[in-house]
PDB file of N, CA and C in Angstrom:
ATOM      1  N   UNK A   1       2.504 -59.009   5.513  1.00  0.00           N
ATOM      2  CA  UNK A   1       2.358 -57.614   5.774  1.00  0.00           C
ATOM      3  C   UNK A   1       2.288 -57.632   7.593  1.00  0.00           C
ATOM      4  N   UNK A   2       2.783 -56.407   7.747  1.00  0.00           N
ATOM      5  CA  UNK A   2       2.829 -56.135   9.011  1.00  0.00           C
ATOM      6  C   UNK A   2       1.563 -55.244   9.478  1.00  0.00           C
ATOM      7  N   UNK A   3       1.453 -55.481  10.566  1.00  0.00           N
ATOM      8  CA  UNK A   3      -0.190 -54.617  11.168  1.00  0.00           C
ATOM      9  C   UNK A   3       0.147 -53.211  11.579  1.00  0.00           C
ATOM     10  N   UNK A   4      -0.502 -51.935  11.258  1.00  0.00           N
ATOM     11  CA  UNK A   4      -0.242 -51.505  12.091  1.00  0.00           C
ATOM     12  C   UNK A   4      -0.886 -50.828  13.582  1.00  0.00           C
ATOM     13  N   UNK A   5      -0.017 -50.874  14.230  1.00  0.00           N
ATOM     14  CA  UNK A   5      -0.295 -50.660  15.580  1.00  0.00           C
ATOM     15  C   UNK A   5      -0.091 -49.014  16.005  1.00  0.00           C
ATOM     16  N   UNK A   6      -0.982 -48.500  16.821  1.00  0.00           N
ATOM     17  CA  UNK A   6      -1.641 -47.327  17.055  1.00  0.00           C
ATOM     18  C   UNK A   6      -0.729 -46.719  18.468  1.00  0.00           C
ATOM     19  N   UNK A   7       0.226 -46.131  19.072  1.00  0.00           N
ATOM     20  CA  UNK A   7       1.108 -46.383  20.252  1.00  0.00           C
ATOM     21  C   UNK A   7       0.882 -44.377  20.872  1.00  0.00           C
ATOM     22  N   UNK A   8       0.571 -44.491  21.864  1.00  0.00           N
ATOM     23  CA  UNK A   8       0.433 -43.193  22.637  1.00  0.00           C
ATOM     24  C   UNK A   8       1.696 -42.445  23.099  1.00  0.00           C
ATOM     25  N   UNK A   9       2.113 -41.601  22.717  1.00  0.00           N
ATOM     26  CA  UNK A   9       2.809 -40.779  22.840  1.00  0.00           C
ATOM     27  C   UNK A   9       3.508 -40.762  24.115  1.00  0.00           C
ATOM     28  N   UNK A  10       4.870 -41.287  24.726  1.00  0.00           N
ATOM     29  CA  UNK A  10       5.439 -41.622  25.696  1.00  0.00           C
ATOM     30  C   UNK A  10       5.194 -40.620  27.169  1.00  0.00           C
ATOM     31  N   UNK A  11       4.878 -39.264  26.578  1.00  0.00           N
ATOM     32  CA  UNK A  11       4.353 -37.758  27.268  1.00  0.00           C
ATOM     33  C   UNK A  11       2.855 -38.100  28.195  1.00  0.00           C
ATOM     34  N   UNK A  12       2.154 -38.338  27.029  1.00  0.00           N
ATOM     35  CA  UNK A  12       0.814 -38.917  27.032  1.00  0.00           C
ATOM     36  C   UNK A  12       0.263 -40.106  28.235  1.00  0.00           C
ATOM     37  N   UNK A  13       1.222 -40.892  28.220  1.00  0.00           N
ATOM     38  CA  UNK A  13       1.013 -42.022  28.796  1.00  0.00           C
ATOM     39  C   UNK A  13       1.619 -41.934  30.195  1.00  0.00           C
ATOM     40  N   UNK A  14       2.699 -41.210  30.357  1.00  0.00           N
ATOM     41  CA  UNK A  14       3.274 -40.458  31.750  1.00  0.00           C
ATOM     42  C   UNK A  14       2.283 -39.307  32.383  1.00  0.00           C
ATOM     43  N   UNK A  15       1.510 -38.661  31.266  1.00  0.00           N
ATOM     44  CA  UNK A  15       0.740 -37.834  32.130  1.00  0.00           C
ATOM     45  C   UNK A  15      -0.586 -38.723  32.503  1.00  0.00           C
ATOM     46  N   UNK A  16      -0.839 -39.438  32.055  1.00  0.00           N
ATOM     47  CA  UNK A  16      -2.229 -40.475  32.279  1.00  0.00           C
ATOM     48  C   UNK A  16      -1.619 -41.223  33.744  1.00  0.00           C
ATOM     49  N   UNK A  17      -0.391 -41.853  33.696  1.00  0.00           N
ATOM     50  CA  UNK A  17       0.242 -41.909  34.826  1.00  0.00           C
ATOM     51  C   UNK A  17       0.194 -41.292  36.393  1.00  0.00           C
ATOM     52  N   UNK A  18       0.044 -39.412  35.505  1.00  0.00           N
ATOM     53  CA  UNK A  18       0.663 -38.746  36.770  1.00  0.00           C
ATOM     54  C   UNK A  18      -0.832 -38.393  37.411  1.00  0.00           C
ATOM     55  N   UNK A  19      -2.040 -38.265  36.062  1.00  0.00           N
ATOM     56  CA  UNK A  19      -3.486 -37.951  36.996  1.00  0.00           C
ATOM     57  C   UNK A  19      -4.071 -39.149  37.450  1.00  0.00           C
ATOM     58  N   UNK A  20      -3.534 -40.328  37.094  1.00  0.00           N
ATOM     59  CA  UNK A  20      -4.079 -41.648  38.000  1.00  0.00           C
ATOM     60  C   UNK A  20      -3.131 -41.446  39.700  1.00  0.00           C
ATOM     61  N   UNK A  21      -2.512 -41.129  40.010  1.00  0.00           N
ATOM     62  CA  UNK A  21      -1.681 -40.425  41.042  1.00  0.00           C
ATOM     63  C   UNK A  21      -2.025 -39.647  41.824  1.00  0.00           C
ATOM     64  N   UNK A  22      -2.436 -38.553  41.224  1.00  0.00           N
ATOM     65  CA  UNK A  22      -3.319 -37.547  41.937  1.00  0.00           C
ATOM     66  C   UNK A  22      -4.574 -38.130  42.024  1.00  0.00           C
ATOM     67  N   UNK A  23      -5.394 -38.838  41.856  1.00  0.00           N
ATOM     68  CA  UNK A  23      -6.627 -39.332  42.450  1.00  0.00           C
ATOM     69  C   UNK A  23      -7.652 -38.737  41.186  1.00  0.00           C
ATOM     70  N   UNK A  24      -7.061 -38.298  40.020  1.00  0.00           N
ATOM     71  CA  UNK A  24      -8.015 -37.118  39.421  1.00  0.00           C
ATOM     72  C   UNK A  24      -8.880 -37.904  38.139  1.00  0.00           C
ATOM     73  N   UNK A  25      -7.785 -39.000  37.537  1.00  0.00           N
ATOM     74  CA  UNK A  25      -8.088 -39.469  36.708  1.00  0.00           C
ATOM     75  C   UNK A  25      -9.209 -40.634  36.321  1.00  0.00           C
ATOM     76  N   UNK A  26     -10.331 -40.173  35.482  1.00  0.00           N
ATOM     77  CA  UNK A  26     -11.629 -40.620  35.584  1.00  0.00           C
ATOM     78  C   UNK A  26     -12.098 -40.977  33.840  1.00  0.00           C
ATOM     79  N   UNK A  27     -12.175 -42.220  33.599  1.00  0.00           N
ATOM     80  CA  UNK A  27     -11.961 -42.217  32.308  1.00  0.00           C
ATOM     81  C   UNK A  27     -13.352 -41.824  31.093  1.00  0.00           C
ATOM     82  N   UNK A  28     -14.265 -41.626  32.221  1.00  0.00           N
ATOM     83  CA  UNK A  28     -15.582 -41.310  31.614  1.00  0.00           C
ATOM     84  C   UNK A  28     -15.888 -39.487  31.421  1.00  0.00           C
ATOM     85  N   UNK A  29     -14.579 -38.746  32.466  1.00  0.00           N
ATOM     86  CA  UNK A  29     -14.388 -37.319  31.889  1.00  0.00           C
ATOM     87  C   UNK A  29     -13.201 -36.895  31.405  1.00  0.00           C
ATOM     88  N   UNK A  30     -11.889 -37.779  31.241  1.00  0.00           N
ATOM     89  CA  UNK A  30     -11.232 -37.443  30.766  1.00  0.00           C
ATOM     90  C   UNK A  30     -10.837 -38.261  29.884  1.00  0.00           C
ATOM     91  N   UNK A  31     -10.023 -37.580  28.860  1.00  0.00           N
ATOM     92  CA  UNK A  31      -9.437 -38.842  27.616  1.00  0.00           C
ATOM     93  C   UNK A  31      -8.242 -38.275  27.210  1.00  0.00           C
ATOM     94  N   UNK A  32      -7.081 -39.317  27.084  1.00  0.00           N
ATOM     95  CA  UNK A  32      -5.772 -39.126  26.710  1.00  0.00           C
ATOM     96  C   UNK A  32      -5.645 -40.080  25.576  1.00  0.00           C
ATOM     97  N   UNK A  33      -5.718 -39.326  24.479  1.00  0.00           N
ATOM     98  CA  UNK A  33      -5.688 -39.613  23.344  1.00  0.00           C
ATOM     99  C   UNK A  33      -6.548 -40.546  22.376  1.00  0.00           C
ATOM    100  N   UNK A  34      -8.013 -40.608  23.538  1.00  0.00           N
ATOM    101  CA  UNK A  34      -9.021 -40.840  23.232  1.00  0.00           C
ATOM    102  C   UNK A  34     -10.315 -40.036  23.952  1.00  0.00           C
ATOM    103  N   UNK A  35     -11.039 -39.991  23.277  1.00  0.00           N
ATOM    104  CA  UNK A  35     -12.524 -39.435  23.454  1.00  0.00           C
ATOM    105  C   UNK A  35     -12.638 -40.057  25.159  1.00  0.00           C
ATOM    106  N   UNK A  36     -13.359 -39.134  26.020  1.00  0.00           N
ATOM    107  CA  UNK A  36     -13.630 -39.706  27.489  1.00  0.00           C
ATOM    108  C   UNK A  36     -15.195 -40.348  27.038  1.00  0.00           C
ATOM    109  N   UNK A  37     -15.339 -41.418  27.887  1.00  0.00           N
ATOM    110  CA  UNK A  37     -16.414 -41.921  27.840  1.00  0.00           C
ATOM    111  C   UNK A  37     -17.787 -41.344  27.619  1.00  0.00           C
ATOM    112  N   UNK A  38     -17.817 -40.216  28.304  1.00  0.00           N
ATOM    113  CA  UNK A  38     -19.206 -39.273  28.369  1.00  0.00           C
ATOM    114  C   UNK A  38     -18.678 -37.924  27.725  1.00  0.00           C
ATOM    115  N   UNK A  39     -18.497 -36.857  28.805  1.00  0.00           N
ATOM    116  CA  UNK A  39     -18.531 -35.732  28.339  1.00  0.00           C
ATOM    117  C   UNK A  39     -17.040 -35.522  29.044  1.00  0.00           C
ATOM    118  N   UNK A  40     -16.440 -34.564  28.614  1.00  0.00           N
ATOM    119  CA  UNK A  40     -15.524 -33.857  30.044  1.00  0.00           C
ATOM    120  C   UNK A  40     -14.136 -33.138  28.983  1.00  0.00           C
ATOM    121  N   UNK A  41     -12.849 -33.685  29.459  1.00  0.00           N
ATOM    122  CA  UNK A  41     -11.768 -33.225  28.964  1.00  0.00           C
ATOM    123  C   UNK A  41     -10.660 -34.024  28.284  1.00  0.00           C
ATOM    124  N   UNK A  42     -10.504 -33.426  26.868  1.00  0.00           N
ATOM    125  CA  UNK A  42      -9.433 -34.180  25.569  1.00  0.00           C
ATOM    126  C   UNK A  42      -8.393 -33.893  25.471  1.00  0.00           C
ATOM    127  N   UNK A  43      -7.247 -34.525  25.505  1.00  0.00           N
ATOM    128  CA  UNK A  43      -6.151 -34.232  24.808  1.00  0.00           C
ATOM    129  C   UNK A  43      -5.899 -35.715  24.003  1.00  0.00           C
ATOM    130  N   UNK A  44      -5.540 -34.963  22.615  1.00  0.00           N
ATOM    131  CA  UNK A  44      -5.564 -35.912  21.454  1.00  0.00           C
ATOM    132  C   UNK A  44      -4.476 -35.627  20.475  1.00  0.00           C
ATOM    133  N   UNK A  45      -3.544 -36.865  20.183  1.00  0.00           N
ATOM    134  CA  UNK A  45      -2.283 -36.740  19.637  1.00  0.00           C
ATOM    135  C   UNK A  45      -3.350 -36.890  17.842  1.00  0.00           C
ATOM    136  N   UNK A  46      -3.339 -35.903  17.508  1.00  0.00           N
ATOM    137  CA  UNK A  46      -3.706 -35.658  15.664  1.00  0.00           C
ATOM    138  C   UNK A  46      -2.664 -35.688  15.004  1.00  0.00           C
ATOM    139  N   UNK A  47      -1.479 -36.242  15.173  1.00  0.00           N
ATOM    140  CA  UNK A  47       0.111 -36.618  14.814  1.00  0.00           C
ATOM    141  C   UNK A  47       0.491 -35.182  14.059  1.00  0.00           C
ATOM    142  N   UNK A  48       0.026 -34.343  13.456  1.00  0.00           N
ATOM    143  CA  UNK A  48       0.661 -33.165  13.223  1.00  0.00           C
ATOM    144  C   UNK A  48       0.463 -32.241  13.837  1.00  0.00           C
ATOM    145  N   UNK A  49      -0.353 -32.408  15.058  1.00  0.00           N
ATOM    146  CA  UNK A  49      -0.527 -31.418  16.582  1.00  0.00           C
ATOM    147  C   UNK A  49      -1.428 -32.041  17.346  1.00  0.00           C
ATOM    148  N   UNK A  50      -0.769 -31.520  18.694  1.00  0.00           N
ATOM    149  CA  UNK A  50      -1.551 -32.255  19.554  1.00  0.00           C
ATOM    150  C   UNK A  50      -2.742 -31.502  20.136  1.00  0.00           C
ATOM    151  N   UNK A  51      -4.061 -31.954  20.375  1.00  0.00           N
ATOM    152  CA  UNK A  51      -5.431 -30.965  20.338  1.00  0.00           C
ATOM    153  C   UNK A  51      -5.632 -31.374  21.760  1.00  0.00           C
ATOM    154  N   UNK A  52      -6.232 -29.872  22.562  1.00  0.00           N
ATOM    155  CA  UNK A  52      -6.643 -30.121  24.191  1.00  0.00           C
ATOM    156  C   UNK A  52      -8.065 -29.489  23.642  1.00  0.00           C
ATOM    157  N   UNK A  53      -9.735 -30.236  23.938  1.00  0.00           N
ATOM    158  CA  UNK A  53     -10.363 -29.166  24.010  1.00  0.00           C
ATOM    159  C   UNK A  53     -11.144 -30.233  24.996  1.00  0.00           C
ATOM    160  N   UNK A  54     -12.675 -29.663  25.173  1.00  0.00           N
ATOM    161  CA  UNK A  54     -13.630 -30.266  26.004  1.00  0.00           C
ATOM    162  C   UNK A  54     -14.799 -31.134  24.769  1.00  0.00           C
ATOM    163  N   UNK A  55     -14.988 -32.145  25.195  1.00  0.00           N
ATOM    164  CA  UNK A  55     -16.082 -33.122  24.530  1.00  0.00           C
ATOM    165  C   UNK A  55     -17.201 -33.094  25.089  1.00  0.00           C
ATOM    166  N   UNK A  56     -18.269 -32.591  24.289  1.00  0.00           N
ATOM    167  CA  UNK A  56     -19.682 -32.215  25.017  1.00  0.00           C
ATOM    168  C   UNK A  56     -20.902 -32.141  23.818  1.00  0.00           C
ATOM    169  N   UNK A  57     -21.854 -33.187  24.030  1.00  0.00           N
ATOM    170  CA  UNK A  57     -22.708 -33.633  22.910  1.00  0.00           C
ATOM    171  C   UNK A  57     -22.558 -34.294  21.566  1.00  0.00           C
ATOM    172  N   UNK A  58     -20.748 -34.603  21.140  1.00  0.00           N
ATOM    173  CA  UNK A  58     -20.178 -35.047  20.377  1.00  0.00           C
ATOM    174  C   UNK A  58     -19.777 -33.892  19.583  1.00  0.00           C
ATOM    175  N   UNK A  59     -19.688 -32.967  20.120  1.00  0.00           N
ATOM    176  CA  UNK A  59     -18.940 -31.882  19.486  1.00  0.00           C
ATOM    177  C   UNK A  59     -17.495 -31.520  20.442  1.00  0.00           C
ATOM    178  N   UNK A  60     -16.563 -30.808  19.748  1.00  0.00           N
ATOM    179  CA  UNK A  60     -15.392 -30.408  20.370  1.00  0.00           C
ATOM    180  C   UNK A  60     -15.380 -29.045  20.404  1.00  0.00           C
ATOM    181  N   UNK A  61     -15.351 -28.836  21.701  1.00  0.00           N
ATOM    182  CA  UNK A  61     -15.634 -27.085  22.059  1.00  0.00           C
ATOM    183  C   UNK A  61     -14.173 -26.664  22.851  1.00  0.00           C
ATOM    184  N   UNK A  62     -13.824 -25.478  22.495  1.00  0.00           N
ATOM    185  CA  UNK A  62     -12.596 -24.647  23.163  1.00  0.00           C
ATOM    186  C   UNK A  62     -11.349 -25.244  22.724  1.00  0.00           C
ATOM    187  N   UNK A  63     -11.463 -25.756  21.933  1.00  0.00           N
ATOM    188  CA  UNK A  63     -10.290 -26.329  20.856  1.00  0.00           C
ATOM    189  C   UNK A  63      -8.778 -25.538  21.071  1.00  0.00           C
ATOM    190  N   UNK A  64      -7.623 -26.009  21.276  1.00  0.00           N
ATOM    191  CA  UNK A  64      -6.335 -25.016  21.195  1.00  0.00           C
ATOM    192  C   UNK A  64      -5.325 -26.485  20.796  1.00  0.00           C
ATOM    193  N   UNK A  65      -5.196 -25.586  19.612  1.00  0.00           N
ATOM    194  CA  UNK A  65      -3.631 -26.869  19.061  1.00  0.00           C
ATOM    195  C   UNK A  65      -2.383 -26.219  19.352  1.00  0.00           C
ATOM    196  N   UNK A  66      -1.575 -27.494  19.808  1.00  0.00           N
ATOM    197  CA  UNK A  66      -0.073 -27.117  20.045  1.00  0.00           C
ATOM    198  C   UNK A  66       0.951 -28.214  19.195  1.00  0.00           C
ATOM    199  N   UNK A  67       1.713 -27.496  19.140  1.00  0.00           N
ATOM    200  CA  UNK A  67       2.585 -28.158  17.651  1.00  0.00           C
ATOM    201  C   UNK A  67       3.904 -29.414  19.147  1.00  0.00           C
ATOM    202  N   UNK A  68       4.144 -28.392  20.020  1.00  0.00           N
ATOM    203  CA  UNK A  68       4.818 -29.132  21.150  1.00  0.00           C
ATOM    204  C   UNK A  68       3.528 -29.852  22.598  1.00  0.00           C
ATOM    205  N   UNK A  69       4.301 -31.065  22.291  1.00  0.00           N
ATOM    206  CA  UNK A  69       3.503 -32.056  23.211  1.00  0.00           C
ATOM    207  C   UNK A  69       3.453 -31.436  24.821  1.00  0.00           C
ATOM    208  N   UNK A  70       4.708 -30.955  24.995  1.00  0.00           N
ATOM    209  CA  UNK A  70       5.171 -30.460  26.627  1.00  0.00           C
ATOM    210  C   UNK A  70       4.036 -29.415  26.665  1.00  0.00           C
ATOM    211  N   UNK A  71       4.415 -28.275  25.650  1.00  0.00           N
ATOM    212  CA  UNK A  71       3.108 -27.411  26.005  1.00  0.00           C
ATOM    213  C   UNK A  71       1.920 -27.749  25.944  1.00  0.00           C
ATOM    214  N   UNK A  72       1.280 -28.836  25.895  1.00  0.00           N
ATOM    215  CA  UNK A  72       0.140 -29.027  25.245  1.00  0.00           C
ATOM    216  C   UNK A  72      -0.591 -29.665  26.749  1.00  0.00           C
ATOM    217  N   UNK A  73       0.576 -30.850  27.370  1.00  0.00           N
ATOM    218  CA  UNK A  73       0.564 -31.118  28.564  1.00  0.00           C
ATOM    219  C   UNK A  73       0.132 -29.747  30.087  1.00  0.00           C
ATOM    220  N   UNK A  74       1.222 -28.951  29.699  1.00  0.00           N
ATOM    221  CA  UNK A  74       1.071 -27.843  30.635  1.00  0.00           C
ATOM    222  C   UNK A  74      -0.710 -27.381  31.201  1.00  0.00           C
ATOM    223  N   UNK A  75      -1.037 -27.358  29.530  1.00  0.00           N
ATOM    224  CA  UNK A  75      -2.297 -26.538  29.500  1.00  0.00           C
ATOM    225  C   UNK A  75      -3.260 -27.449  29.802  1.00  0.00           C
ATOM    226  N   UNK A  76      -3.101 -28.759  29.296  1.00  0.00           N
ATOM    227  CA  UNK A  76      -4.429 -29.685  29.797  1.00  0.00           C
ATOM    228  C   UNK A  76      -4.320 -29.817  31.561  1.00  0.00           C
ATOM    229  N   UNK A  77      -3.094 -30.035  31.967  1.00  0.00           N
ATOM    230  CA  UNK A  77      -3.102 -29.726  33.386  1.00  0.00           C
ATOM    231  C   UNK A  77      -3.849 -28.700  34.318  1.00  0.00           C
ATOM    232  N   UNK A  78      -3.255 -27.865  33.904  1.00  0.00           N
ATOM    233  CA  UNK A  78      -3.755 -26.613  34.270  1.00  0.00           C
ATOM    234  C   UNK A  78      -5.240 -26.712  34.302  1.00  0.00           C
ATOM    235  N   UNK A  79      -5.824 -26.850  33.391  1.00  0.00           N
ATOM    236  CA  UNK A  79      -7.328 -27.298  33.111  1.00  0.00           C
ATOM    237  C   UNK A  79      -7.842 -27.741  33.498  1.00  0.00           C
ATOM    238  N   UNK A  80      -7.185 -29.107  33.733  1.00  0.00           N
ATOM    239  CA  UNK A  80      -7.968 -30.172  34.785  1.00  0.00           C
ATOM    240  C   UNK A  80      -7.764 -30.337  35.857  1.00  0.00           C
ATOM    241  N   UNK A  81      -6.609 -29.569  36.692  1.00  0.00           N
ATOM    242  CA  UNK A  81      -6.310 -29.391  37.993  1.00  0.00           C
ATOM    243  C   UNK A  81      -7.354 -28.315  38.715  1.00  0.00           C
ATOM    244  N   UNK A  82      -7.590 -27.140  37.548  1.00  0.00           N
ATOM    245  CA  UNK A  82      -8.328 -26.294  38.093  1.00  0.00           C
ATOM    246  C   UNK A  82      -9.616 -26.856  38.665  1.00  0.00           C
ATOM    247  N   UNK A  83     -10.268 -27.927  37.883  1.00  0.00           N
ATOM    248  CA  UNK A  83     -11.679 -28.300  37.859  1.00  0.00           C
ATOM    249  C   UNK A  83     -11.717 -28.939  39.561  1.00  0.00           C
ATOM    250  N   UNK A  84     -12.465 -28.489  40.421  1.00  0.00           N
ATOM    251  CA  UNK A  84     -12.937 -28.575  41.654  1.00  0.00           C
ATOM    252  C   UNK A  84     -13.449 -29.589  41.738  1.00  0.00           C
ATOM    253  N   UNK A  85     -14.642 -30.418  40.449  1.00  0.00           N
ATOM    254  CA  UNK A  85     -15.518 -31.441  40.299  1.00  0.00           C
ATOM    255  C   UNK A  85     -14.746 -32.562  40.250  1.00  0.00           C
ATOM    256  N   UNK A  86     -13.899 -32.723  39.578  1.00  0.00           N
ATOM    257  CA  UNK A  86     -12.681 -34.036  39.419  1.00  0.00           C
ATOM    258  C   UNK A  86     -12.152 -34.303  40.716  1.00  0.00           C
ATOM    259  N   UNK A  87     -11.759 -33.200  41.844  1.00  0.00           N
ATOM    260  CA  UNK A  87     -11.660 -33.990  43.057  1.00  0.00           C
ATOM    261  C   UNK A  87     -12.567 -35.084  43.742  1.00  0.00           C
ATOM    262  N   UNK A  88     -11.657 -36.199  44.138  1.00  0.00           N
ATOM    263  CA  UNK A  88     -12.299 -36.642  44.870  1.00  0.00           C
ATOM    264  C   UNK A  88     -12.525 -36.541  46.537  1.00  0.00           C
TER     265      UNK A  88
END
């Protein structure tokens, strides 16, 4: 029997690479297709839609749903890039 292997959408991989290049990606406060290690921003492929939200105290806050991954990424980038605390 084959084993199920979850794969990240290539667009989300590219987003992660972009944030790393910008010096913004920090796994503790940004989750791409996974929850952040602490609290912070998240973009998640829920398979039927893309969810963008803030993860805080075990809760999804300010959740926005997208059918189009590119639109979700644009929204997520604007949200994250506008946060001055993420700049090093």
